[in-house]
Amino acid sequence: MPPLAFIEKKCHTFCSNHKEHTALSFVEGQIIDILFRNDENGYTVVELDDDGKYLVCVGSMPPVNPGEYVRFYGAMTTHKVYGEQFKVVSMESRMPEGDESIRAYLSGGLFKGIGHALATRIVDAFHEETFHVIENEPERLAEIKGISLAAARRINQTFVEQSSARSAVIDLQKLGLSTKQAMACLEVYGGAAPSIISENPYRMIGSVAGIGFEKADAIAARLDLPNYTALRTENGIRHVLSLEMSSGHTCFPFDMFIGRAAGFLQDSSEHIEDAVHRLVLMGTLSEMEYNGVPAIALYSAHSAEAYDGRRLMELATAQPAIELDMSVVEEILAQDTVLTEEQERAVLSSLSGTVSVVTGGPGTGKTTILKQLITILERSGVKTALAAPTGRAAKRMEQACMRPAQTIHRLLEYGFSKDGEPDSVCRFQRDEENPLEADAVIIDETSMVDIFLLRALLQAVKPGSRLIFTGDADQLPSVGPGNVIKDMIKSRKIT
């Protein structure tokens, strides 16, 4: 069967992930070649054929193979290096028909061990029934020279997996997700993604990259959910609180929040207040008083902030595991010709307790103080670890202190708990049960640390270890909630 006529048309399908529904174009034809594919995010570059005319199509999509007939929805773009190409937002596909197209599909690289010669033998044996045999009677493949029963089962497994993924992506697209978003959902929920999201689209928030409240809410509005109103209200409340957290706030005045959420959700204050109380009972939100004013917070933020305060006091009141020899300290300071009297007092103050903060604006000598602190600690036999919130900040710290430095995530060994296993989750490997080996941990650019990262750090620091924070309280606040360094300074509980 010849390839479909390769055409570009205006389509009345709408791109659901755009705030303004824009009519998309589509192109359709037969895939000739896979020029590139990233299996992690599904980004693929394919060559599409129209009876000798070729078009490069790019975008996230489920696994496709040469020989398939596809319809891509999107828009023509011009890449500054690669020229004209079609940017794919979503797609439809159907299996190839005809011996030549089926042969191209089988030998296109999807099925391990099937080259052109073996694909030809399979197609010559089964012709139009090839895909039926692969899916439903895979043992018949073993009748062909070069295919064992084990190989036949592998071919069947690959075919079924790809068919399931393709079907799931199509179902997710029908819900209003782009191909890229659908692929991200499959990464999180697997083949059950369509049913999970159909039951509660709001589950995607915070779990699926690129999906926020607005997108989930738009999908939920199109579904006939029996509990739609309650789901929307509860998730909208969490969304409004999350927006406040992204501005650095960890809690919000109760009455002001009720008004803010009611306005955002276009709902009554009474309905919002009832939903807030339900979420408090469920353990999702926390009620408290802040400066005598009733306030509301996400439980996760409230518990992290409370833990940080308790743990900092525990560490600050613990006896140092390694006591410093003050004669060594005095000798090093006496030999120093760079420190001012004020900076020398800052060094001594930082060494007087187990938790300390070195702060000041640009040009106040924080780096000079830090270098001298490291020298004293190392000369005293204290094993030190240097870290910062970002890779760039860690690099600057390393260059300034002439010591190895790393990100806090790397210091705490953030990664999969069971590498390569299906139930593996990403987490910090260093914690109370597996603490850091360092006797002193020095953190630079502390203003960029939020309450959640601080909690992970404090969990990994052994009691008796020294913890030195440096940074400018008036610069580069954290993206997440909390103003860690400013709050530590204001507490007057830390040197």
Foldseek 3Di string as FASTA:
>chain_A
DAKDAWDKDWDPDFQLVDPDTDTWIKTKIFWAAWPDADVVQQWTWTWGDHPNDIAIETDHAADDFGLKIKMFIAAWDQDPPPGIHGYGFAMDIDHHAFLVSQLRRQQRPLQPPDHNVLSNQLCVVQPRCSLVCLQPPLCVSCVTPPAHSVSSVSSNVSSVQSVLLNVQLVLVVVLNHTRSQSSQQCVQPNSCSNVVCLQQVLVCDPRGPPDHLVSSLVSLVVHPHPCSVLSNLLSLLVRVQQVVQLVAAFKAQDVVSLVVSCVVVVHDSVVNVVSLVVCVVVQQKDWDADPNGIIIGGNVSVVLVVLLVVLVLQQFPFAAPAQADVVLVVVLVVPDPPDDPVLNVVLVQLNPTQEAEAEDDPPPCSLVSVLSNVVRCVVSVFFEAEEEQDAVVQVVNCVSNVHHYYHLQVQQPWDWPDPPDPPTDTDRPAFQVRAHPGLEYEYEQCQQDASVSSSRNSRRHDRNRHYYYYYYLPDDHHSGHHRPVVVVVVVVSHD
